[in-house]
C-alpha atoms as a PDB file:
ATOM      1  CA  MET A   1     172.789 168.555  94.772  1.00  0.00           C
ATOM      2  CA  ASN A   2     171.770 164.981  93.978  1.00  0.00           C
ATOM      3  CA  ASP A   3     172.280 163.018  97.210  1.00  0.00           C
ATOM      4  CA  LEU A   4     170.703 159.795  95.922  1.00  0.00           C
ATOM      5  CA  ILE A   5     172.785 156.755  96.864  1.00  0.00           C
ATOM      6  CA  SER A   6     172.414 153.653  94.712  1.00  0.00           C
ATOM      7  CA  VAL A   7     172.998 150.593  96.896  1.00  0.00           C
ATOM      8  CA  ILE A   8     173.689 147.443  94.901  1.00  0.00           C
ATOM      9  CA  MET A   9     173.067 144.144  96.707  1.00  0.00           C
ATOM     10  CA  PRO A  10     173.492 140.792  94.895  1.00  0.00           C
ATOM     11  CA  VAL A  11     171.349 138.097  96.501  1.00  0.00           C
ATOM     12  CA  TYR A  12     171.999 134.362  96.414  1.00  0.00           C
ATOM     13  CA  GLN A  13     171.131 131.686  98.985  1.00  0.00           C
ATOM     14  CA  VAL A  14     171.304 133.938 102.075  1.00  0.00           C
ATOM     15  CA  GLU A  15     167.749 133.571 103.346  1.00  0.00           C
ATOM     16  CA  ALA A  16     168.872 133.479 106.995  1.00  0.00           C
ATOM     17  CA  TYR A  17     170.635 136.852 106.771  1.00  0.00           C
ATOM     18  CA  LEU A  18     168.890 138.767 104.001  1.00  0.00           C
ATOM     19  CA  GLN A  19     166.299 140.631 106.058  1.00  0.00           C
ATOM     20  CA  GLU A  20     168.892 141.982 108.492  1.00  0.00           C
ATOM     21  CA  SER A  21     171.010 143.142 105.574  1.00  0.00           C
ATOM     22  CA  ILE A  22     168.127 144.858 103.751  1.00  0.00           C
ATOM     23  CA  GLU A  23     166.838 146.555 106.885  1.00  0.00           C
ATOM     24  CA  SER A  24     170.298 147.854 107.778  1.00  0.00           C
ATOM     25  CA  VAL A  25     170.144 149.788 104.483  1.00  0.00           C
ATOM     26  CA  LEU A  26     166.514 150.910 104.567  1.00  0.00           C
ATOM     27  CA  ASN A  27     166.763 152.064 108.208  1.00  0.00           C
ATOM     28  CA  GLN A  28     169.652 154.422 107.525  1.00  0.00           C
ATOM     29  CA  ASP A  29     168.980 158.020 108.620  1.00  0.00           C
ATOM     30  CA  HIS A  30     169.975 159.098 105.105  1.00  0.00           C
ATOM     31  CA  ARG A  31     166.670 158.383 103.389  1.00  0.00           C
ATOM     32  CA  GLU A  32     167.540 159.410  99.831  1.00  0.00           C
ATOM     33  CA  LEU A  33     168.608 156.063  98.459  1.00  0.00           C
ATOM     34  CA  GLU A  34     167.604 153.295  96.095  1.00  0.00           C
ATOM     35  CA  LEU A  35     168.286 149.706  97.084  1.00  0.00           C
ATOM     36  CA  ILE A  36     168.784 147.507  94.036  1.00  0.00           C
ATOM     37  CA  LEU A  37     168.308 143.841  94.943  1.00  0.00           C
ATOM     38  CA  ILE A  38     169.510 141.388  92.307  1.00  0.00           C
ATOM     39  CA  ASP A  39     168.069 137.920  92.864  1.00  0.00           C
ATOM     40  CA  ASP A  40     170.712 135.867  91.079  1.00  0.00           C
ATOM     41  CA  GLY A  41     168.522 132.806  90.583  1.00  0.00           C
ATOM     42  CA  SER A  42     168.570 132.002  94.298  1.00  0.00           C
ATOM     43  CA  PRO A  43     167.005 128.552  94.934  1.00  0.00           C
ATOM     44  CA  ASP A  44     165.655 129.465  98.385  1.00  0.00           C
ATOM     45  CA  ASN A  45     163.099 132.058  99.480  1.00  0.00           C
ATOM     46  CA  CYS A  46     165.352 135.061  98.775  1.00  0.00           C
ATOM     47  CA  GLY A  47     163.469 136.153  95.646  1.00  0.00           C
ATOM     48  CA  ALA A  48     160.167 136.323  97.526  1.00  0.00           C
ATOM     49  CA  ILE A  49     161.790 138.267 100.375  1.00  0.00           C
ATOM     50  CA  CYS A  50     163.123 140.809  97.874  1.00  0.00           C
ATOM     51  CA  ASP A  51     159.684 141.218  96.272  1.00  0.00           C
ATOM     52  CA  ASP A  52     158.084 141.668  99.672  1.00  0.00           C
ATOM     53  CA  TYR A  53     160.376 144.570 100.514  1.00  0.00           C
ATOM     54  CA  ALA A  54     159.773 146.146  97.096  1.00  0.00           C
ATOM     55  CA  GLU A  55     156.030 146.106  97.768  1.00  0.00           C
ATOM     56  CA  LYS A  56     156.496 147.793 101.155  1.00  0.00           C
ATOM     57  CA  ASP A  57     159.154 150.397 100.235  1.00  0.00           C
ATOM     58  CA  SER A  58     159.254 152.346  96.966  1.00  0.00           C
ATOM     59  CA  ARG A  59     163.016 152.799  97.320  1.00  0.00           C
ATOM     60  CA  VAL A  60     163.548 149.076  96.668  1.00  0.00           C
ATOM     61  CA  ARG A  61     164.022 147.829  93.104  1.00  0.00           C
ATOM     62  CA  VAL A  62     164.290 144.112  92.330  1.00  0.00           C
ATOM     63  CA  ILE A  63     165.898 142.296  89.419  1.00  0.00           C
ATOM     64  CA  HIS A  64     165.308 138.551  88.999  1.00  0.00           C
ATOM     65  CA  GLN A  65     167.777 136.806  86.716  1.00  0.00           C
ATOM     66  CA  GLU A  66     169.214 133.371  86.027  1.00  0.00           C
ATOM     67  CA  ASN A  67     172.211 132.523  88.151  1.00  0.00           C
ATOM     68  CA  GLY A  68     175.269 134.147  86.639  1.00  0.00           C
ATOM     69  CA  GLY A  69     177.453 134.826  89.658  1.00  0.00           C
ATOM     70  CA  ALA A  70     178.025 137.855  91.847  1.00  0.00           C
ATOM     71  CA  ALA A  71     179.804 139.878  89.159  1.00  0.00           C
ATOM     72  CA  ALA A  72     176.929 139.470  86.692  1.00  0.00           C
ATOM     73  CA  ALA A  73     174.470 140.467  89.420  1.00  0.00           C
ATOM     74  CA  LYS A  74     176.442 143.589  90.310  1.00  0.00           C
ATOM     75  CA  ASN A  75     176.691 144.532  86.640  1.00  0.00           C
ATOM     76  CA  ALA A  76     172.914 144.272  86.347  1.00  0.00           C
ATOM     77  CA  GLY A  77     172.633 146.681  89.267  1.00  0.00           C
ATOM     78  CA  LEU A  78     175.189 149.085  87.809  1.00  0.00           C
ATOM     79  CA  ARG A  79     173.261 149.305  84.543  1.00  0.00           C
ATOM     80  CA  ILE A  80     170.124 150.658  86.218  1.00  0.00           C
ATOM     81  CA  ALA A  81     171.646 152.663  89.089  1.00  0.00           C
ATOM     82  CA  LYS A  82     170.388 156.267  89.104  1.00  0.00           C
ATOM     83  CA  GLY A  83     172.209 157.764  92.074  1.00  0.00           C
ATOM     84  CA  ALA A  84     175.049 160.270  92.104  1.00  0.00           C
ATOM     85  CA  TRP A  85     176.674 158.020  94.729  1.00  0.00           C
ATOM     86  CA  LEU A  86     177.347 154.311  94.670  1.00  0.00           C
ATOM     87  CA  SER A  87     177.569 151.676  97.396  1.00  0.00           C
ATOM     88  CA  PHE A  88     177.797 147.885  97.474  1.00  0.00           C
ATOM     89  CA  VAL A  89     176.501 145.694 100.295  1.00  0.00           C
ATOM     90  CA  ASP A  90     176.780 141.910 100.444  1.00  0.00           C
ATOM     91  CA  SER A  91     173.441 140.331 101.288  1.00  0.00           C
ATOM     92  CA  ASP A  92     174.762 138.494 104.344  1.00  0.00           C
ATOM     93  CA  ASP A  93     176.393 141.606 105.840  1.00  0.00           C
ATOM     94  CA  TYR A  94     174.905 144.700 107.467  1.00  0.00           C
ATOM     95  CA  LEU A  95     175.591 148.403 107.876  1.00  0.00           C
ATOM     96  CA  GLU A  96     176.026 150.356 111.072  1.00  0.00           C
ATOM     97  CA  PRO A  97     173.329 152.999 111.793  1.00  0.00           C
ATOM     98  CA  GLY A  98     174.228 156.374 110.314  1.00  0.00           C
ATOM     99  CA  ALA A  99     176.803 154.903 107.925  1.00  0.00           C
ATOM    100  CA  TYR A 100     175.684 156.743 104.788  1.00  0.00           C
ATOM    101  CA  SER A 101     175.067 160.117 106.406  1.00  0.00           C
ATOM    102  CA  HIS A 102     178.547 159.981 107.931  1.00  0.00           C
ATOM    103  CA  MET A 103     180.261 159.008 104.684  1.00  0.00           C
ATOM    104  CA  LEU A 104     178.331 161.523 102.620  1.00  0.00           C
ATOM    105  CA  LYS A 105     179.238 164.267 105.086  1.00  0.00           C
ATOM    106  CA  LEU A 106     182.934 163.413 104.691  1.00  0.00           C
ATOM    107  CA  LEU A 107     182.650 163.407 100.907  1.00  0.00           C
ATOM    108  CA  LYS A 108     181.098 166.861 100.906  1.00  0.00           C
ATOM    109  CA  GLU A 109     183.438 168.342 103.510  1.00  0.00           C
ATOM    110  CA  HIS A 110     186.496 167.279 101.535  1.00  0.00           C
ATOM    111  CA  ARG A 111     184.938 167.614  98.078  1.00  0.00           C
ATOM    112  CA  ALA A 112     186.040 164.029  97.587  1.00  0.00           C
ATOM    113  CA  ASP A 113     185.095 161.266  95.182  1.00  0.00           C
ATOM    114  CA  ALA A 114     185.317 158.259  97.497  1.00  0.00           C
ATOM    115  CA  VAL A 115     185.447 157.525 101.193  1.00  0.00           C
ATOM    116  CA  GLN A 116     186.928 154.378 102.714  1.00  0.00           C
ATOM    117  CA  CYS A 117     185.830 153.631 106.271  1.00  0.00           C
ATOM    118  CA  SER A 118     186.630 151.098 108.950  1.00  0.00           C
ATOM    119  CA  PHE A 119     184.755 147.820 109.363  1.00  0.00           C
ATOM    120  CA  ARG A 120     184.537 144.746 111.530  1.00  0.00           C
ATOM    121  CA  ASP A 121     184.581 141.030 110.840  1.00  0.00           C
ATOM    122  CA  VAL A 122     181.672 139.328 112.568  1.00  0.00           C
ATOM    123  CA  TYR A 123     182.074 135.736 113.734  1.00  0.00           C
ATOM    124  CA  ARG A 124     179.566 133.675 115.703  1.00  0.00           C
ATOM    125  CA  ASN A 125     181.206 134.376 119.064  1.00  0.00           C
ATOM    126  CA  ARG A 126     183.440 137.394 118.488  1.00  0.00           C
ATOM    127  CA  THR A 127     184.202 140.374 116.308  1.00  0.00           C
ATOM    128  CA  GLU A 128     187.438 141.761 114.907  1.00  0.00           C
ATOM    129  CA  SER A 129     187.738 145.452 114.008  1.00  0.00           C
ATOM    130  CA  HIS A 130     189.847 146.890 111.190  1.00  0.00           C
ATOM    131  CA  ILE A 131     190.439 150.574 111.849  1.00  0.00           C
ATOM    132  CA  GLN A 132     191.696 153.018 109.220  1.00  0.00           C
ATOM    133  CA  GLN A 133     193.986 155.900 110.099  1.00  0.00           C
ATOM    134  CA  PRO A 134     192.233 159.076 108.875  1.00  0.00           C
ATOM    135  CA  CYS A 135     193.836 160.855 105.926  1.00  0.00           C
ATOM    136  CA  VAL A 136     193.024 162.367 102.527  1.00  0.00           C
ATOM    137  CA  LEU A 137     194.779 161.121  99.385  1.00  0.00           C
ATOM    138  CA  ASN A 138     194.741 161.843  95.665  1.00  0.00           C
ATOM    139  CA  GLU A 139     194.490 158.995  93.151  1.00  0.00           C
ATOM    140  CA  HIS A 140     198.280 158.635  92.809  1.00  0.00           C
ATOM    141  CA  GLN A 141     198.819 158.481  96.563  1.00  0.00           C
ATOM    142  CA  TYR A 142     195.983 156.007  96.952  1.00  0.00           C
ATOM    143  CA  LEU A 143     197.340 153.719  94.248  1.00  0.00           C
ATOM    144  CA  VAL A 144     200.762 153.784  95.954  1.00  0.00           C
ATOM    145  CA  ARG A 145     198.968 152.490  99.057  1.00  0.00           C
ATOM    146  CA  PHE A 146     196.985 149.856  97.137  1.00  0.00           C
ATOM    147  CA  PRO A 147     199.567 147.026  96.919  1.00  0.00           C
ATOM    148  CA  LYS A 148     200.375 147.173 100.657  1.00  0.00           C
ATOM    149  CA  ASP A 149     196.929 147.746 102.187  1.00  0.00           C
ATOM    150  CA  TRP A 150     194.608 144.771 101.659  1.00  0.00           C
ATOM    151  CA  THR A 151     191.564 146.885 102.603  1.00  0.00           C
ATOM    152  CA  CYS A 152     191.957 149.117  99.533  1.00  0.00           C
ATOM    153  CA  PRO A 153     190.606 146.581  96.995  1.00  0.00           C
ATOM    154  CA  LEU A 154     187.570 145.853  99.190  1.00  0.00           C
ATOM    155  CA  LEU A 155     184.371 146.970  97.532  1.00  0.00           C
ATOM    156  CA  TRP A 156     181.929 147.349 100.399  1.00  0.00           C
ATOM    157  CA  ASN A 157     183.707 149.568 102.971  1.00  0.00           C
ATOM    158  CA  LYS A 158     183.424 152.568 100.659  1.00  0.00           C
ATOM    159  CA  LEU A 159     181.014 155.110  99.195  1.00  0.00           C
ATOM    160  CA  TYR A 160     181.861 156.311  95.685  1.00  0.00           C
ATOM    161  CA  ARG A 161     180.908 159.084  93.333  1.00  0.00           C
ATOM    162  CA  ARG A 162     179.045 157.178  90.622  1.00  0.00           C
ATOM    163  CA  SER A 163     180.945 158.900  87.818  1.00  0.00           C
ATOM    164  CA  LEU A 164     184.189 157.385  89.116  1.00  0.00           C
ATOM    165  CA  PHE A 165     183.105 154.072  87.570  1.00  0.00           C
ATOM    166  CA  ALA A 166     181.486 155.402  84.406  1.00  0.00           C
ATOM    167  CA  GLY A 167     181.815 152.680  81.755  1.00  0.00           C
ATOM    168  CA  ILE A 168     183.528 150.285  84.202  1.00  0.00           C
ATOM    169  CA  PHE A 169     181.946 146.909  84.948  1.00  0.00           C
ATOM    170  CA  PHE A 170     182.887 143.751  86.795  1.00  0.00           C
ATOM    171  CA  GLU A 171     184.758 141.030  84.948  1.00  0.00           C
ATOM    172  CA  GLU A 172     182.433 138.038  85.055  1.00  0.00           C
ATOM    173  CA  GLY A 173     183.265 134.372  85.475  1.00  0.00           C
ATOM    174  CA  HIS A 174     185.464 134.595  88.575  1.00  0.00           C
ATOM    175  CA  LYS A 175     185.197 133.703  92.259  1.00  0.00           C
ATOM    176  CA  ILE A 176     186.836 137.033  93.159  1.00  0.00           C
ATOM    177  CA  ASP A 177     185.089 140.271  92.158  1.00  0.00           C
ATOM    178  CA  ASP A 178     186.489 143.258  94.066  1.00  0.00           C
ATOM    179  CA  GLU A 179     190.094 142.794  92.941  1.00  0.00           C
ATOM    180  CA  TYR A 180     189.108 143.078  89.279  1.00  0.00           C
ATOM    181  CA  PHE A 181     186.987 146.176  89.760  1.00  0.00           C
ATOM    182  CA  THR A 182     187.751 148.590  92.587  1.00  0.00           C
ATOM    183  CA  TYR A 183     191.186 149.850  91.509  1.00  0.00           C
ATOM    184  CA  GLN A 184     189.917 150.813  88.050  1.00  0.00           C
ATOM    185  CA  GLY A 185     187.844 153.664  89.457  1.00  0.00           C
ATOM    186  CA  PHE A 186     190.916 155.066  91.184  1.00  0.00           C
ATOM    187  CA  LEU A 187     192.805 155.282  87.901  1.00  0.00           C
ATOM    188  CA  ASN A 188     190.658 158.373  87.293  1.00  0.00           C
ATOM    189  CA  PRO A 189     191.535 161.745  88.866  1.00  0.00           C
ATOM    190  CA  CYS A 190     189.978 161.705  92.332  1.00  0.00           C
ATOM    191  CA  LYS A 191     190.281 162.493  96.014  1.00  0.00           C
ATOM    192  CA  VAL A 192     189.860 159.711  98.589  1.00  0.00           C
ATOM    193  CA  VAL A 193     189.052 160.147 102.283  1.00  0.00           C
ATOM    194  CA  LEU A 194     190.029 157.435 104.775  1.00  0.00           C
ATOM    195  CA  ASP A 195     188.179 157.452 108.098  1.00  0.00           C
ATOM    196  CA  ASP A 196     188.338 155.537 111.383  1.00  0.00           C
ATOM    197  CA  ARG A 197     184.603 155.140 111.984  1.00  0.00           C
ATOM    198  CA  ILE A 198     183.241 151.593 111.599  1.00  0.00           C
ATOM    199  CA  VAL A 199     180.388 151.588 109.090  1.00  0.00           C
ATOM    200  CA  TYR A 200     180.212 147.977 107.885  1.00  0.00           C
ATOM    201  CA  ASN A 201     179.890 144.513 109.423  1.00  0.00           C
ATOM    202  CA  TYR A 202     181.329 141.675 107.340  1.00  0.00           C
ATOM    203  CA  ARG A 203     179.856 138.324 108.324  1.00  0.00           C
ATOM    204  CA  ARG A 204     182.272 135.413 108.169  1.00  0.00           C
ATOM    205  CA  ARG A 205     180.441 132.404 106.702  1.00  0.00           C
ATOM    206  CA  ALA A 206     181.866 128.933 106.129  1.00  0.00           C
ATOM    207  CA  SER A 207     179.640 128.448 103.062  1.00  0.00           C
ATOM    208  CA  SER A 208     180.666 131.685 101.324  1.00  0.00           C
ATOM    209  CA  VAL A 209     182.586 131.648  98.046  1.00  0.00           C
ATOM    210  CA  MET A 210     185.632 133.079  99.822  1.00  0.00           C
ATOM    211  CA  CYS A 211     185.729 130.150 102.272  1.00  0.00           C
ATOM    212  CA  SER A 212     184.388 127.237 100.250  1.00  0.00           C
ATOM    213  CA  PRO A 213     187.006 124.456  99.742  1.00  0.00           C
ATOM    214  CA  GLN A 214     185.363 123.661  96.397  1.00  0.00           C
ATOM    215  CA  ALA A 215     186.225 127.145  95.132  1.00  0.00           C
ATOM    216  CA  ALA A 216     189.775 127.229  96.539  1.00  0.00           C
ATOM    217  CA  GLU A 217     191.593 126.298  93.316  1.00  0.00           C
ATOM    218  CA  GLN A 218     189.655 128.883  91.300  1.00  0.00           C
ATOM    219  CA  ARG A 219     190.343 131.551  93.931  1.00  0.00           C
ATOM    220  CA  ILE A 220     194.068 130.941  93.455  1.00  0.00           C
ATOM    221  CA  ARG A 221     193.764 131.239  89.675  1.00  0.00           C
ATOM    222  CA  ASP A 222     191.694 134.395  90.009  1.00  0.00           C
ATOM    223  CA  GLY A 223     194.101 135.744  92.624  1.00  0.00           C
ATOM    224  CA  ILE A 224     197.088 135.781  90.281  1.00  0.00           C
ATOM    225  CA  ASP A 225     195.032 136.760  87.225  1.00  0.00           C
ATOM    226  CA  CYS A 226     193.627 139.896  88.854  1.00  0.00           C
ATOM    227  CA  VAL A 227     197.061 140.975  90.138  1.00  0.00           C
ATOM    228  CA  VAL A 228     198.551 140.594  86.651  1.00  0.00           C
ATOM    229  CA  LYS A 229     195.781 142.690  85.101  1.00  0.00           C
ATOM    230  CA  ARG A 230     195.936 145.334  87.833  1.00  0.00           C
ATOM    231  CA  ARG A 231     199.719 145.621  87.459  1.00  0.00           C
ATOM    232  CA  ARG A 232     199.397 146.113  83.704  1.00  0.00           C
ATOM    233  CA  LYS A 233     196.616 148.704  83.837  1.00  0.00           C
ATOM    234  CA  VAL A 234     198.056 150.727  86.704  1.00  0.00           C
ATOM    235  CA  THR A 235     201.567 150.906  85.259  1.00  0.00           C
ATOM    236  CA  GLU A 236     200.213 151.904  81.857  1.00  0.00           C
ATOM    237  CA  ARG A 237     198.621 154.914  83.563  1.00  0.00           C
ATOM    238  CA  TRP A 238     201.371 155.541  86.137  1.00  0.00           C
ATOM    239  CA  PRO A 239     204.725 154.083  84.886  1.00  0.00           C
ATOM    240  CA  GLU A 240     206.480 155.423  87.989  1.00  0.00           C
ATOM    241  CA  LEU A 241     204.502 152.926  90.104  1.00  0.00           C
ATOM    242  CA  ARG A 242     206.164 149.980  88.372  1.00  0.00           C
ATOM    243  CA  ARG A 243     208.314 149.053  91.372  1.00  0.00           C
ATOM    244  CA  GLN A 244     205.368 148.890  93.813  1.00  0.00           C
ATOM    245  CA  PHE A 245     203.216 146.793  91.500  1.00  0.00           C
ATOM    246  CA  ASP A 246     206.082 144.516  90.437  1.00  0.00           C
ATOM    247  CA  GLU A 247     206.699 143.807  94.112  1.00  0.00           C
ATOM    248  CA  SER A 248     202.990 143.214  94.676  1.00  0.00           C
ATOM    249  CA  TYR A 249     202.956 140.734  91.785  1.00  0.00           C
ATOM    250  CA  MET A 250     205.885 138.717  93.127  1.00  0.00           C
ATOM    251  CA  ASP A 251     204.464 138.831  96.643  1.00  0.00           C
ATOM    252  CA  ALA A 252     201.180 137.427  95.297  1.00  0.00           C
ATOM    253  CA  VAL A 253     202.965 134.595  93.446  1.00  0.00           C
ATOM    254  CA  TRP A 254     204.680 133.527  96.676  1.00  0.00           C
ATOM    255  CA  TYR A 255     201.652 134.062  98.919  1.00  0.00           C
ATOM    256  CA  LEU A 256     199.262 132.155  96.663  1.00  0.00           C
ATOM    257  CA  SER A 257     201.649 129.192  96.519  1.00  0.00           C
ATOM    258  CA  LEU A 258     201.049 128.757 100.264  1.00  0.00           C
ATOM    259  CA  ARG A 259     197.262 128.893 100.104  1.00  0.00           C
ATOM    260  CA  PRO A 260     195.051 125.879 100.841  1.00  0.00           C
ATOM    261  CA  GLY A 261     193.539 124.461  97.670  1.00  0.00           C
ATOM    262  CA  ASN A 262     196.614 124.385  95.463  1.00  0.00           C
ATOM    263  CA  THR A 263     196.894 121.598  92.922  1.00  0.00           C
ATOM    264  CA  GLU A 264     199.770 120.474  90.733  1.00  0.00           C
ATOM    265  CA  ASP A 265     198.319 122.667  87.980  1.00  0.00           C
ATOM    266  CA  THR A 266     198.139 125.834  90.109  1.00  0.00           C
ATOM    267  CA  ILE A 267     201.637 125.333  91.540  1.00  0.00           C
ATOM    268  CA  ALA A 268     202.985 124.813  88.017  1.00  0.00           C
ATOM    269  CA  MET A 269     201.173 127.980  86.948  1.00  0.00           C
ATOM    270  CA  LEU A 270     202.702 130.016  89.799  1.00  0.00           C
ATOM    271  CA  LYS A 271     206.183 128.638  89.115  1.00  0.00           C
ATOM    272  CA  ASP A 272     205.757 129.647  85.481  1.00  0.00           C
ATOM    273  CA  HIS A 273     204.800 133.194  86.513  1.00  0.00           C
ATOM    274  CA  LEU A 274     207.954 133.346  88.636  1.00  0.00           C
ATOM    275  CA  LYS A 275     210.234 132.101  85.854  1.00  0.00           C
ATOM    276  CA  ARG A 276     208.748 134.401  83.213  1.00  0.00           C
ATOM    277  CA  TYR A 277     209.070 137.397  85.536  1.00  0.00           C
ATOM    278  CA  PHE A 278     212.841 136.899  85.903  1.00  0.00           C
ATOM    279  CA  ARG A 279     213.275 136.245  82.199  1.00  0.00           C
ATOM    280  CA  THR A 280     211.564 139.490  81.203  1.00  0.00           C
ATOM    281  CA  TRP A 281     213.843 142.455  80.736  1.00  0.00           C
ATOM    282  CA  GLY A 282     212.923 145.583  82.707  1.00  0.00           C
ATOM    283  CA  ASN A 283     211.119 143.967  85.626  1.00  0.00           C
ATOM    284  CA  THR A 284     212.068 145.264  89.054  1.00  0.00           C
ATOM    285  CA  ILE A 285     214.408 143.191  91.213  1.00  0.00           C
ATOM    286  CA  PRO A 286     212.264 141.987  94.138  1.00  0.00           C
ATOM    287  CA  PRO A 287     213.076 143.375  97.594  1.00  0.00           C
ATOM    288  CA  ARG A 288     215.441 141.405  99.794  1.00  0.00           C
ATOM    289  CA  TYR A 289     212.749 140.065 102.127  1.00  0.00           C
ATOM    290  CA  LEU A 290     211.071 138.226  99.220  1.00  0.00           C
ATOM    291  CA  TRP A 291     214.131 136.405  97.939  1.00  0.00           C
ATOM    292  CA  PRO A 292     214.078 133.423 100.378  1.00  0.00           C
ATOM    293  CA  TYR A 293     210.365 132.846  99.698  1.00  0.00           C
ATOM    294  CA  LEU A 294     210.669 133.085  95.925  1.00  0.00           C
ATOM    295  CA  TRP A 295     213.707 130.825  95.961  1.00  0.00           C
ATOM    296  CA  GLY A 296     211.761 128.359  98.103  1.00  0.00           C
ATOM    297  CA  LEU A 297     208.936 128.312  95.565  1.00  0.00           C
ATOM    298  CA  TYR A 298     211.392 127.868  92.686  1.00  0.00           C
ATOM    299  CA  ARG A 299     213.410 125.009  94.175  1.00  0.00           C
ATOM    300  CA  THR A 300     210.741 123.055  96.104  1.00  0.00           C
ATOM    301  CA  ASP A 301     209.188 120.287  94.026  1.00  0.00           C
ATOM    302  CA  THR A 302     205.540 120.622  93.056  1.00  0.00           C
ATOM    303  CA  LYS A 303     204.271 117.561  94.907  1.00  0.00           C
ATOM    304  CA  THR A 304     205.729 118.804  98.203  1.00  0.00           C
ATOM    305  CA  LEU A 305     204.087 122.204  97.781  1.00  0.00           C
ATOM    306  CA  VAL A 306     200.735 120.579  96.958  1.00  0.00           C
ATOM    307  CA  GLU A 307     200.982 118.339 100.008  1.00  0.00           C
ATOM    308  CA  ASN A 308     201.780 121.344 102.215  1.00  0.00           C
ATOM    309  CA  SER A 309     198.732 123.079 100.800  1.00  0.00           C
ATOM    310  CA  ARG A 310     196.575 120.014 101.452  1.00  0.00           C
ATOM    311  CA  ILE A 311     197.720 119.884 105.087  1.00  0.00           C
ATOM    312  CA  LYS A 312     196.866 123.563 105.548  1.00  0.00           C
ATOM    313  CA  GLN A 313     193.418 122.977 104.098  1.00  0.00           C
ATOM    314  CA  ALA A 314     192.826 120.077 106.477  1.00  0.00           C
ATOM    315  CA  GLU A 315     193.932 122.224 109.436  1.00  0.00           C
ATOM    316  CA  GLN A 316     191.792 125.202 108.435  1.00  0.00           C
ATOM    317  CA  SER A 317     189.015 125.735 110.955  1.00  0.00           C
ATOM    318  CA  THR A 318     185.746 127.541 110.316  1.00  0.00           C
ATOM    319  CA  GLU A 319     183.991 126.450 113.503  1.00  0.00           C
ATOM    320  CA  ASP A 320     183.620 130.072 114.611  1.00  0.00           C
ATOM    321  CA  TYR A 321     182.075 131.026 111.261  1.00  0.00           C
ATOM    322  CA  PHE A 322     178.390 131.362 110.491  1.00  0.00           C
ATOM    323  CA  ALA A 323     176.815 128.683 108.323  1.00  0.00           C
END
């Protein structure tokens, strides 16, 4: 059986963390892997670090390309990946020892197509663990879970059968990647194992795309766009999941209206999503708990909502984050 794991790692401006990340992959006790490093036009010394590891270890492959964003980098890795199994690691994060051997063992024991494990957030002075309750699900059961469990869309806490994503690539041009990609593999027939062992360490950085104030408005636009597309694709495949994904859509409209970084344009966009949802015949009536929040979004004037968002952004602290 082909046990080669293709590990795709986009690299951009993470010189301080890159070596730890690379070595956490190469030092795994599962040795049958290829590490694909995609230098996405990084302006620091990352490209040279990647080349240095490629010279020392034949399992490392390096792609140098003009900066196109994380999605473009991951797509470049997907196009050349040779393994039967697929993993993604962010270049400022790091794996736990024995992560791949443990996940591969679970995949084989259950004859599964993907495994989702536990992980921890790593701050400068503390950590925060996110533990999964062990279970085994088919694709329908997993998609039912998807709208309620925010760890399901995550890309990097999983090991996948490569064929699960045959012909599927990341949608480029966004600040969010995982939400556009991960669920599409689970539209295919599959078995998914959830496990409570921590395998991944996610480093919280103030300068990351997910924290940058400069990217906040685009994250909001991407946040609603990916939910709309996911709702459409999932319900085309599984019409009986309409209620769950309608609720997820309305929940996202309300939640995103509270996020730091909103502008008059994004609030107007979210209000328009809300109005069009209720004007469209056949959409599910939102659950009772959502009604006060949706009504609040509908009736509160745009300038007030923007000001509330601005205050939240000013109060947001990243002092415990890495640089």
